Protein backbone atom coordinates (compact mmCIF):
# COMPACT_ATOMS: atom_id res chain seq x y z
CA MET A 1 -8.83 11.40 -9.94
CA LYS A 2 -10.16 13.99 -7.47
CA THR A 3 -12.95 13.17 -5.06
CA ALA A 4 -15.64 15.50 -3.77
CA PRO A 5 -15.51 16.65 -0.16
CA SER A 6 -16.98 14.16 2.31
CA LYS A 7 -20.46 14.87 3.70
CA ARG A 8 -19.85 12.87 6.85
CA GLY A 9 -20.52 14.43 10.22
CA PRO A 10 -18.25 13.70 13.19
CA THR A 11 -20.47 10.92 14.60
CA SER A 12 -23.50 10.69 12.30
CA ASN A 13 -22.51 8.12 9.69
CA LYS A 14 -21.41 4.48 9.59
CA TYR A 15 -20.78 1.91 6.89
CA ALA A 16 -22.13 -1.60 6.46
CA LEU A 17 -20.87 -4.19 4.00
CA GLU A 18 -22.91 -6.70 2.01
CA LEU A 19 -21.46 -9.47 -0.14
CA HIS A 20 -23.61 -11.39 -2.61
CA GLY A 21 -26.75 -9.95 -1.02
CA LYS A 22 -25.95 -10.92 2.59
CA PRO A 23 -25.01 -8.67 5.55
CA CYS A 24 -21.27 -8.96 6.12
CA GLY A 25 -20.35 -6.73 9.04
CA TRP A 26 -19.82 -3.07 9.94
CA LEU A 27 -16.77 -1.18 8.69
CA THR A 28 -14.89 1.30 10.84
CA ASP A 29 -13.95 3.49 7.90
CA VAL A 30 -14.06 3.77 4.12
CA SER A 31 -11.73 5.88 2.02
CA GLY A 32 -11.42 6.71 -1.64
CA ALA A 33 -14.31 7.04 -4.06
CA LEU A 34 -16.54 4.93 -1.83
CA ALA A 35 -16.50 7.58 0.87
CA VAL A 36 -17.99 10.36 -1.22
CA GLY A 37 -19.94 8.65 -3.95
CA GLU A 38 -20.17 11.59 -6.34
CA LEU A 39 -18.25 9.90 -9.15
CA GLY A 40 -20.37 9.19 -12.21
CA GLY A 41 -23.71 10.12 -10.64
CA GLU A 42 -26.65 7.95 -9.71
CA GLY A 43 -27.02 4.72 -11.65
CA ARG A 44 -24.01 5.32 -13.88
CA PRO A 45 -21.26 2.69 -13.70
CA ASP A 46 -17.64 3.82 -13.65
CA ARG A 47 -14.27 2.15 -13.26
CA TYR A 48 -12.34 3.01 -10.10
CA GLU A 49 -8.90 2.48 -8.74
CA GLU A 50 -8.19 0.52 -5.56
CA LEU A 51 -10.42 1.50 -2.65
CA THR A 52 -9.79 1.00 1.05
CA LEU A 53 -11.96 -0.57 3.75
CA ARG A 54 -11.06 -0.64 7.45
CA CYS A 55 -12.66 -2.95 9.97
CA TRP A 56 -12.27 -4.81 13.23
CA PRO A 57 -10.91 -8.36 12.93
CA GLY A 58 -14.17 -9.79 14.34
CA MET A 59 -15.80 -9.99 10.90
CA PRO A 60 -17.97 -12.94 9.80
CA HIS A 61 -16.82 -15.98 7.83
CA GLU A 62 -18.16 -14.61 4.51
CA PHE A 63 -15.92 -11.56 4.79
CA TYR A 64 -12.76 -13.61 5.25
CA ALA A 65 -13.87 -16.05 2.56
CA TRP A 66 -13.77 -13.09 0.16
CA VAL A 67 -10.19 -12.34 1.24
CA ALA A 68 -9.12 -15.96 0.80
CA ALA A 69 -10.87 -16.33 -2.57
CA SER A 70 -9.29 -13.10 -3.82
CA MET A 71 -5.70 -13.99 -2.96
CA THR A 72 -5.28 -17.22 -4.86
CA SER A 73 -3.60 -18.01 -8.16
CA ARG A 74 -7.07 -17.64 -9.72
CA PRO A 75 -8.80 -14.82 -7.84
CA THR A 76 -12.59 -15.09 -7.48
CA PRO A 77 -14.32 -11.69 -7.77
CA ALA A 78 -17.28 -10.76 -5.59
CA ARG A 79 -20.27 -8.46 -5.96
CA GLY A 80 -21.37 -6.40 -3.03
CA GLU A 81 -22.52 -3.13 -1.57
CA VAL A 82 -21.19 -0.58 0.88
CA ILE A 83 -24.11 1.05 2.68
CA LEU A 84 -23.82 4.45 4.32
CA ALA A 85 -26.28 4.78 7.23
CA ASP A 86 -26.91 7.33 9.96
CA ASP A 87 -27.10 6.76 13.71
CA GLY A 88 -30.77 5.84 13.37
CA ASN A 89 -29.85 3.10 10.86
CA ALA A 90 -31.55 4.94 8.01
CA GLU A 91 -29.79 4.30 4.71
CA MET A 92 -28.24 7.39 3.15
CA SER A 93 -26.70 5.76 0.08
CA ARG A 94 -25.48 2.47 -1.39
CA LEU A 95 -22.48 1.89 -3.54
CA SER A 96 -22.85 -1.36 -5.46
CA PHE A 97 -19.82 -3.01 -7.03
CA VAL A 98 -19.12 -6.03 -9.19
CA GLY A 99 -15.87 -7.88 -9.84
CA GLY A 100 -14.39 -6.84 -6.50
CA VAL A 101 -11.01 -8.46 -5.72
CA ILE A 102 -8.87 -7.84 -2.62
CA THR A 103 -5.41 -6.61 -3.61
CA GLU A 104 -3.96 -5.85 -0.16
CA LEU A 105 -4.49 -7.05 3.39
CA ALA A 106 -2.71 -5.11 6.13
CA LEU A 107 -2.69 -5.70 9.87
CA ALA A 108 -1.93 -2.54 11.81
CA SER A 109 0.62 -2.49 14.61
CA TYR A 110 -0.94 -4.17 17.65
CA GLU A 111 -0.02 -4.37 21.32
CA TYR A 112 -1.44 -7.40 23.07
CA GLY A 113 -4.12 -6.61 25.61
CA PHE A 114 -5.55 -3.62 23.72
CA ARG A 115 -8.01 -5.53 21.59
CA ASP A 116 -10.23 -2.64 20.60
CA SER A 117 -7.27 -0.95 18.89
CA LEU A 118 -6.68 -3.76 16.37
CA LYS A 119 -7.75 -2.88 12.83
CA LEU A 120 -7.48 -4.48 9.41
CA ASN A 121 -7.02 -2.44 6.23
CA LEU A 122 -8.12 -3.92 2.93
CA LYS A 123 -7.65 -2.49 -0.52
CA PHE A 124 -9.85 -3.89 -3.24
CA SER A 125 -10.27 -3.33 -6.94
CA PRO A 126 -13.81 -3.40 -8.38
CA HIS A 127 -14.49 -3.95 -12.06
CA SER A 128 -17.19 -1.29 -11.88
CA SER A 129 -19.47 0.37 -9.37
CA LYS A 130 -22.46 2.68 -9.14
CA ARG A 131 -24.11 4.68 -6.37
CA SER A 132 -27.81 4.94 -5.58
CA TYR A 133 -29.81 7.00 -3.10
CA ALA A 134 -33.06 5.04 -2.85
CA GLY A 135 -33.04 5.11 0.95
CA GLY A 136 -34.53 2.57 3.33
CA HIS A 137 -33.90 1.36 6.85
CA LEU A 138 -31.70 -1.36 8.30
CA GLY A 139 -33.98 -3.67 10.29
CA GLY A 140 -33.24 -5.24 13.67
CA GLU A 141 -32.21 -8.67 12.34
CA VAL A 142 -29.93 -7.08 9.79
CA ILE A 143 -28.32 -4.91 12.45
CA GLU A 144 -27.65 -7.97 14.62
CA ALA A 145 -26.16 -9.80 11.63
CA ARG A 146 -23.71 -6.94 11.15
CA ARG A 147 -22.68 -6.68 14.78
CA PRO A 148 -18.91 -7.39 15.14
CA LEU A 149 -17.91 -10.58 16.89
CA PRO A 150 -16.06 -10.21 20.22
CA ALA A 151 -12.50 -8.90 19.88
CA THR A 152 -9.72 -11.45 20.30
CA ASP A 153 -5.93 -11.32 20.24
CA PRO A 154 -4.14 -12.58 17.12
CA GLU A 155 -2.69 -16.05 17.69
CA LEU A 156 0.84 -16.52 16.35
CA HIS A 157 2.38 -19.99 16.02
CA ILE A 158 5.80 -20.84 14.62
CA ASP A 159 6.99 -24.43 14.47
CA GLY A 160 9.24 -25.14 17.46
CA LEU A 161 8.79 -21.66 18.96
CA GLU A 162 5.42 -22.00 20.63
CA GLU A 163 6.64 -20.77 24.04
CA ALA A 164 8.48 -17.76 22.59
CA CYS A 165 5.43 -16.82 20.48
CA SER A 166 3.27 -16.78 23.61
CA GLN A 167 5.56 -14.08 25.04
CA VAL A 168 5.23 -11.63 22.14
CA ARG A 169 4.08 -8.25 23.44
CA ARG A 170 3.59 -6.39 20.17
CA ILE A 171 3.17 -7.19 16.47
CA GLU A 172 4.47 -4.43 14.22
CA GLY A 173 2.00 -5.03 11.45
CA LEU A 174 1.89 -7.29 8.40
CA THR A 175 1.11 -6.38 4.78
CA ILE A 176 0.26 -8.80 1.96
CA ARG A 177 -0.11 -7.41 -1.58
CA GLN A 178 -0.89 -8.79 -5.01
CA ARG A 179 -1.15 -7.35 -8.52
CA ILE A 180 -4.04 -8.32 -10.75
CA GLU A 181 -5.14 -7.73 -14.32
CA ARG A 182 -8.46 -8.11 -16.11
CA PRO A 183 -9.06 -9.16 -19.70
CA PRO A 184 -10.63 -6.46 -21.87
CA GLY A 185 -14.40 -6.29 -22.14
CA ASP A 186 -17.18 -7.24 -19.75
CA ASP A 187 -15.51 -10.58 -19.02
CA GLY A 188 -13.34 -8.70 -16.53
CA ILE A 189 -16.29 -8.80 -14.14
CA TYR A 190 -15.79 -12.52 -13.68
CA THR A 191 -12.25 -13.27 -14.82
CA VAL A 192 -9.26 -11.84 -13.02
CA ARG A 193 -5.62 -12.91 -13.36
CA ARG A 194 -2.91 -12.51 -10.75
CA VAL A 195 0.20 -11.03 -12.32
CA ALA A 196 2.61 -12.59 -9.79
CA PRO A 197 2.47 -14.39 -6.43
CA ALA A 198 1.42 -12.29 -3.46
CA VAL A 199 4.23 -10.37 -1.77
CA VAL A 200 4.52 -10.62 2.01
CA GLY A 201 5.96 -7.67 3.90
CA ARG A 202 8.34 -8.14 6.81
CA LEU A 203 6.68 -9.16 10.09
CA ALA A 204 8.21 -7.66 13.23
CA LEU A 205 7.63 -8.97 16.77
CA VAL A 206 8.58 -7.30 20.04
CA LEU A 207 9.16 -9.27 23.24
CA ALA A 208 11.29 -9.21 26.38
CA GLU A 209 14.95 -10.13 25.84
CA ASN A 210 14.81 -12.91 28.45
CA LYS A 211 11.88 -14.50 26.58
CA ALA A 212 13.48 -14.34 23.13
CA LEU A 213 16.09 -17.10 23.42
CA GLY A 214 14.29 -19.30 20.90
CA PHE A 215 14.38 -16.55 18.29
CA THR A 216 18.04 -15.68 18.88
CA ARG A 217 19.07 -19.32 18.57
CA TRP A 218 17.03 -19.64 15.40
CA LEU A 219 18.77 -16.62 13.85
CA GLU A 220 22.18 -18.07 14.77
CA ALA A 221 21.24 -21.38 13.14
CA VAL A 222 20.05 -19.64 9.96
CA GLU A 223 23.23 -17.56 9.70
CA ALA A 224 25.30 -20.73 10.15
CA GLY A 225 23.31 -22.54 7.44
CA ARG A 226 21.88 -25.07 9.89
CA SER A 227 18.22 -24.11 9.61
CA ASN A 228 15.69 -23.92 6.82
CA GLY A 229 12.54 -21.84 6.81
CA ARG A 230 9.74 -22.72 9.19
CA ALA A 231 5.97 -22.59 8.89
CA ALA A 232 4.11 -19.85 10.76
CA THR A 233 0.42 -19.12 11.21
CA LEU A 234 -1.38 -15.99 12.37
CA THR A 235 -5.05 -16.47 13.25
CA LEU A 236 -7.16 -13.30 13.20
CA GLY A 237 -10.62 -12.51 14.48
CA ALA A 238 -13.03 -14.75 16.32
CA PRO A 239 -12.15 -18.41 17.02
CA ALA A 240 -15.59 -19.28 15.63
CA VAL A 241 -14.35 -18.09 12.22
CA GLY A 242 -10.73 -19.23 12.49
CA PHE A 243 -9.31 -17.16 9.62
CA THR A 244 -5.61 -18.01 9.43
CA VAL A 245 -2.73 -16.45 7.50
CA VAL A 246 -0.29 -19.26 6.68
CA LEU A 247 3.22 -17.89 6.12
CA GLN A 248 5.63 -20.16 4.24
CA GLN A 249 9.40 -20.52 4.54
CA VAL A 250 9.68 -18.02 7.39
CA ARG A 251 13.17 -16.99 8.51
CA PRO A 252 14.49 -14.34 10.92
CA ALA A 253 16.11 -11.45 9.03
CA ARG A 254 17.57 -9.67 12.04
CA ILE A 255 17.10 -9.09 15.77
CA VAL A 256 17.73 -5.66 17.27
CA GLU A 257 17.31 -4.10 20.68
CA GLU A 258 14.30 -1.86 21.13
CA PRO A 259 14.92 1.63 22.57
CA GLY A 260 13.95 1.75 26.24
CA GLU A 261 14.58 3.45 29.55
CA VAL A 262 18.21 4.52 29.92
CA GLY A 263 20.01 2.28 32.40
CA ASP A 264 17.03 -0.04 32.91
CA SER A 265 18.28 -3.44 31.75
CA ARG A 266 15.41 -5.24 33.47
CA ARG A 267 12.95 -4.15 30.80
CA ARG A 268 15.14 -4.65 27.76
CA GLU A 269 13.16 -5.75 24.71
CA LEU A 270 14.11 -7.17 21.33
CA ARG A 271 12.60 -6.61 17.93
CA VAL A 272 12.55 -9.79 15.84
CA GLU A 273 12.07 -9.23 12.10
CA LEU A 274 10.83 -12.16 10.03
CA ASP A 275 10.69 -12.69 6.26
CA ALA A 276 8.34 -15.11 4.49
CA ARG A 277 8.60 -16.42 0.94
CA GLY A 278 4.91 -17.14 0.42
CA VAL A 279 1.45 -17.03 1.91
CA GLU A 280 -1.81 -18.95 1.84
CA PHE A 281 -5.06 -18.57 3.75
CA ALA A 282 -7.03 -21.17 5.66
CA PHE A 283 -9.77 -21.56 8.24
CA ALA A 284 -8.72 -23.22 11.48
CA PRO A 285 -11.04 -25.87 12.96
CA VAL A 286 -13.69 -24.30 15.17
CA ARG A 287 -12.80 -24.80 18.82
CA GLU A 288 -15.48 -25.98 21.20
CA ALA A 289 -16.18 -23.88 24.25
CA VAL A 290 -14.70 -25.15 27.50
CA VAL A 291 -17.38 -25.90 30.09
């Protein structure tokens, strides 16, 4: 399916997300049919393929609840809207969708300390959608409700490797995918089936060689048959939300040396590649502020 050329200016447009009628954060980018909105014309519903949303991790609880509800053995679809607005917060268009289910969650490569660079990519499959151009204006309270929460570093924890995890300098991304199907007819708005368990891509970590002893010993134990998989968690976004990716039966697949300065052994780094056999999502307890 071809899409019409985008009408976006270099700095003039931005996207807001609503779920079930409530403001649910600003998006950094939208691609696919959502970005152009010419498919089907005003008020006419059409079926679309997977569409992509990009955002900062500091999204509200309702956003991550949609992710968690989508990626279960019985996915729960959502209805929502993607609103295109200009710099003056005047609405340019709305794309309303029903039966929206997340099919992929991807964390881009991230180097600790550069929080503003961290982005999440989500693909989702709507049952149907339609675009309208009624216009309007995003009020002050709504704008505040969509403001991203402060950026925070992802928190990685692996059983028995807490100290080594605290030394990780870079995460080379993580992708979680699932395949879904819908029964024929309008019931597909509400009923979605997952074809198979979600597939977890390989997670790679980069850290200094002299800080990676826990990982190297773990790999040796796995290769010798002395270690089973461990539990790992990756908490994304604001601590006030506590969205956590729970990786199951995690094992090191390999450890390789990262390319570096020739002859500079002091800065030698290792790349640790981890495989997981399953994934769930949870919300960590909200931590109280330290006074």
